[in-house]
C-alpha atoms as a PDB file:
ATOM      1  CA  MET A   1     -17.990   2.485  -8.269  1.00  0.00           C
ATOM      2  CA  GLU A   2     -15.914   3.457  -5.250  1.00  0.00           C
ATOM      3  CA  GLU A   3     -12.369   2.128  -5.130  1.00  0.00           C
ATOM      4  CA  SER A   4     -11.806  -0.579  -2.540  1.00  0.00           C
ATOM      5  CA  VAL A   5      -8.368   0.915  -1.777  1.00  0.00           C
ATOM      6  CA  ILE A   6      -7.418   4.540  -2.455  1.00  0.00           C
ATOM      7  CA  PHE A   7      -4.040   4.969  -4.159  1.00  0.00           C
ATOM      8  CA  THR A   8      -3.135   8.659  -4.022  1.00  0.00           C
ATOM      9  CA  GLU A   9      -1.428  10.590  -6.790  1.00  0.00           C
ATOM     10  CA  ALA A  10       1.554  11.282  -4.485  1.00  0.00           C
ATOM     11  CA  ALA A  11       2.021   7.552  -3.832  1.00  0.00           C
ATOM     12  CA  ALA A  12       1.658   6.670  -7.510  1.00  0.00           C
ATOM     13  CA  GLN A  13       4.217   9.313  -8.522  1.00  0.00           C
ATOM     14  CA  LYS A  14       6.728   8.018  -5.950  1.00  0.00           C
ATOM     15  CA  VAL A  15       6.257   4.423  -7.105  1.00  0.00           C
ATOM     16  CA  PHE A  16       6.654   5.569 -10.720  1.00  0.00           C
ATOM     17  CA  ALA A  17       9.934   7.318  -9.809  1.00  0.00           C
ATOM     18  CA  LEU A  18      11.207   4.232  -7.956  1.00  0.00           C
ATOM     19  CA  LEU A  19      10.393   2.003 -10.920  1.00  0.00           C
ATOM     20  CA  GLN A  20      12.242   4.364 -13.260  1.00  0.00           C
ATOM     21  CA  GLU A  21      15.299   4.160 -10.967  1.00  0.00           C
ATOM     22  CA  GLU A  22      15.063   0.360 -11.082  1.00  0.00           C
ATOM     23  CA  ASP A  23      14.755   0.563 -14.877  1.00  0.00           C
ATOM     24  CA  ASP A  24      11.862  -1.908 -14.699  1.00  0.00           C
ATOM     25  CA  PRO A  25       8.627   0.097 -15.089  1.00  0.00           C
ATOM     26  CA  GLN A  26       6.535  -3.042 -15.665  1.00  0.00           C
ATOM     27  CA  GLN A  27       6.663  -3.999 -11.984  1.00  0.00           C
ATOM     28  CA  MET A  28       3.659  -3.417  -9.728  1.00  0.00           C
ATOM     29  CA  LEU A  29       3.521  -2.447  -6.063  1.00  0.00           C
ATOM     30  CA  ARG A  30       1.902  -4.963  -3.737  1.00  0.00           C
ATOM     31  CA  VAL A  31       0.593  -3.807  -0.368  1.00  0.00           C
ATOM     32  CA  PHE A  32      -0.252  -6.573   2.084  1.00  0.00           C
ATOM     33  CA  VAL A  33      -1.177  -7.296   5.679  1.00  0.00           C
ATOM     34  CA  SER A  34       0.552  -9.978   7.721  1.00  0.00           C
ATOM     35  CA  GLY A  35       0.463 -11.091  11.322  1.00  0.00           C
ATOM     36  CA  GLY A  36       2.980  -9.538  13.674  1.00  0.00           C
ATOM     37  CA  GLY A  37       4.148  -6.098  14.596  1.00  0.00           C
ATOM     38  CA  CYS A  38       3.604  -4.466  17.965  1.00  0.00           C
ATOM     39  CA  SER A  39      -0.168  -4.124  17.423  1.00  0.00           C
ATOM     40  CA  GLY A  40      -1.058  -7.523  15.937  1.00  0.00           C
ATOM     41  CA  PHE A  41      -0.997  -6.917  12.176  1.00  0.00           C
ATOM     42  CA  GLN A  42       1.579  -5.148  10.058  1.00  0.00           C
ATOM     43  CA  TYR A  43       1.668  -3.589   6.617  1.00  0.00           C
ATOM     44  CA  GLY A  44       4.146  -4.622   3.968  1.00  0.00           C
ATOM     45  CA  PHE A  45       5.133  -3.426   0.506  1.00  0.00           C
ATOM     46  CA  ARG A  46       7.034  -5.155  -2.277  1.00  0.00           C
ATOM     47  CA  PHE A  47       7.447  -4.938  -6.025  1.00  0.00           C
ATOM     48  CA  GLU A  48       6.216  -7.797  -8.197  1.00  0.00           C
ATOM     49  CA  LYS A  49       6.323  -8.544 -11.897  1.00  0.00           C
ATOM     50  CA  GLN A  50       3.119 -10.608 -12.016  1.00  0.00           C
ATOM     51  CA  ALA A  51      -0.299 -10.252 -10.446  1.00  0.00           C
ATOM     52  CA  GLU A  52      -2.397 -13.148  -9.199  1.00  0.00           C
ATOM     53  CA  ASP A  53      -5.818 -13.735 -10.797  1.00  0.00           C
ATOM     54  CA  ASP A  54      -7.686 -12.817  -7.611  1.00  0.00           C
ATOM     55  CA  ASP A  55      -5.710  -9.641  -6.836  1.00  0.00           C
ATOM     56  CA  THR A  56      -7.485  -6.309  -6.643  1.00  0.00           C
ATOM     57  CA  ARG A  57      -5.750  -3.885  -8.996  1.00  0.00           C
ATOM     58  CA  VAL A  58      -5.806  -0.113  -8.565  1.00  0.00           C
ATOM     59  CA  LYS A  59      -4.199   1.875 -11.395  1.00  0.00           C
ATOM     60  CA  ARG A  60      -3.060   5.479 -11.197  1.00  0.00           C
ATOM     61  CA  SER A  61      -0.579   7.453 -13.298  1.00  0.00           C
ATOM     62  CA  GLY A  62       0.784   4.393 -15.090  1.00  0.00           C
ATOM     63  CA  VAL A  63       1.363   2.418 -11.876  1.00  0.00           C
ATOM     64  CA  THR A  64      -0.570  -0.607 -10.608  1.00  0.00           C
ATOM     65  CA  LEU A  65      -1.187  -1.303  -6.926  1.00  0.00           C
ATOM     66  CA  LEU A  66      -1.974  -4.937  -6.051  1.00  0.00           C
ATOM     67  CA  VAL A  67      -3.869  -6.221  -2.999  1.00  0.00           C
ATOM     68  CA  ASP A  68      -4.534  -9.908  -2.340  1.00  0.00           C
ATOM     69  CA  PRO A  69      -8.013 -10.965  -1.113  1.00  0.00           C
ATOM     70  CA  MET A  70      -6.907 -11.724   2.468  1.00  0.00           C
ATOM     71  CA  SER A  71      -5.248  -8.318   2.840  1.00  0.00           C
ATOM     72  CA  LEU A  72      -8.158  -6.538   1.165  1.00  0.00           C
ATOM     73  CA  GLN A  73     -10.492  -7.460   4.024  1.00  0.00           C
ATOM     74  CA  TYR A  74      -8.241  -5.405   6.336  1.00  0.00           C
ATOM     75  CA  LEU A  75      -7.509  -2.636   3.809  1.00  0.00           C
ATOM     76  CA  GLN A  76     -11.043  -2.015   2.478  1.00  0.00           C
ATOM     77  CA  GLY A  77     -11.442   1.771   2.211  1.00  0.00           C
ATOM     78  CA  ALA A  78      -7.823   2.468   3.237  1.00  0.00           C
ATOM     79  CA  GLU A  79      -5.758   5.211   1.620  1.00  0.00           C
ATOM     80  CA  ILE A  80      -2.205   4.460   0.448  1.00  0.00           C
ATOM     81  CA  ASP A  81      -0.305   7.759   0.386  1.00  0.00           C
ATOM     82  CA  TYR A  82       3.265   9.066   0.310  1.00  0.00           C
ATOM     83  CA  LYS A  83       4.377  11.893   2.590  1.00  0.00           C
ATOM     84  CA  GLU A  84       7.590  13.882   2.874  1.00  0.00           C
ATOM     85  CA  SER A  85       8.214  15.930   6.019  1.00  0.00           C
ATOM     86  CA  VAL A  86      11.037  17.030   8.277  1.00  0.00           C
ATOM     87  CA  GLU A  87      10.831  13.609   9.972  1.00  0.00           C
ATOM     88  CA  GLY A  88      11.491  11.878   6.653  1.00  0.00           C
ATOM     89  CA  ALA A  89       9.674  10.399   3.698  1.00  0.00           C
ATOM     90  CA  GLN A  90       7.500   7.286   3.769  1.00  0.00           C
ATOM     91  CA  PHE A  91       4.445   5.536   2.451  1.00  0.00           C
ATOM     92  CA  VAL A  92       1.504   6.069   4.806  1.00  0.00           C
ATOM     93  CA  ILE A  93      -1.627   3.938   5.156  1.00  0.00           C
ATOM     94  CA  ARG A  94      -4.731   5.617   6.563  1.00  0.00           C
ATOM     95  CA  ASN A  95      -6.882   2.641   7.462  1.00  0.00           C
ATOM     96  CA  PRO A  96     -10.466   3.191   8.687  1.00  0.00           C
ATOM     97  CA  ASN A  97     -10.556  -0.471   9.822  1.00  0.00           C
ATOM     98  CA  ALA A  98      -7.722  -0.051  12.339  1.00  0.00           C
ATOM     99  CA  SER A  99      -8.956   0.465  15.892  1.00  0.00           C
ATOM    100  CA  THR A 100      -5.438   1.184  17.170  1.00  0.00           C
ATOM    101  CA  THR A 101      -2.067   1.720  15.537  1.00  0.00           C
ATOM    102  CA  CYS A 102       1.441   1.685  16.906  1.00  0.00           C
ATOM    103  CA  GLY A 103       3.618   4.774  17.123  1.00  0.00           C
ATOM    104  CA  CYS A 104       5.512   3.931  13.934  1.00  0.00           C
ATOM    105  CA  GLY A 105       2.297   3.502  11.953  1.00  0.00           C
ATOM    106  CA  ASN A 106       3.378   0.159  10.515  1.00  0.00           C
ATOM    107  CA  SER A 107       1.186  -2.083  12.644  1.00  0.00           C
ATOM    108  CA  PHE A 108      -2.434  -2.030  13.760  1.00  0.00           C
ATOM    109  CA  THR A 109      -5.316  -3.916  15.374  1.00  0.00           C
ATOM    110  CA  VAL A 110      -8.875  -4.257  14.110  1.00  0.00           C
END
């Protein structure tokens, strides 16, 4: 079965490191889509201690990624990654459902 959202090893390792710094490794990373941003929708991330019953859960390297059903319709097939470069370090979402994205990569249209 193909994963509905791809959670890369690099992203999982960064989340794991952040959770170790917080000294609360039981938390999970939620990725979500909300209205707004310069292109219509924007991505968000936050840590949570509890998942909802209808969340999609993707586990990698001891870390759980959560996606709610509303966000999943926009993130189906997307890749959640973490990149470090000379411009800086950030989580990156490669979303095949986005028809356009803004320059910062944090908002999109479908």
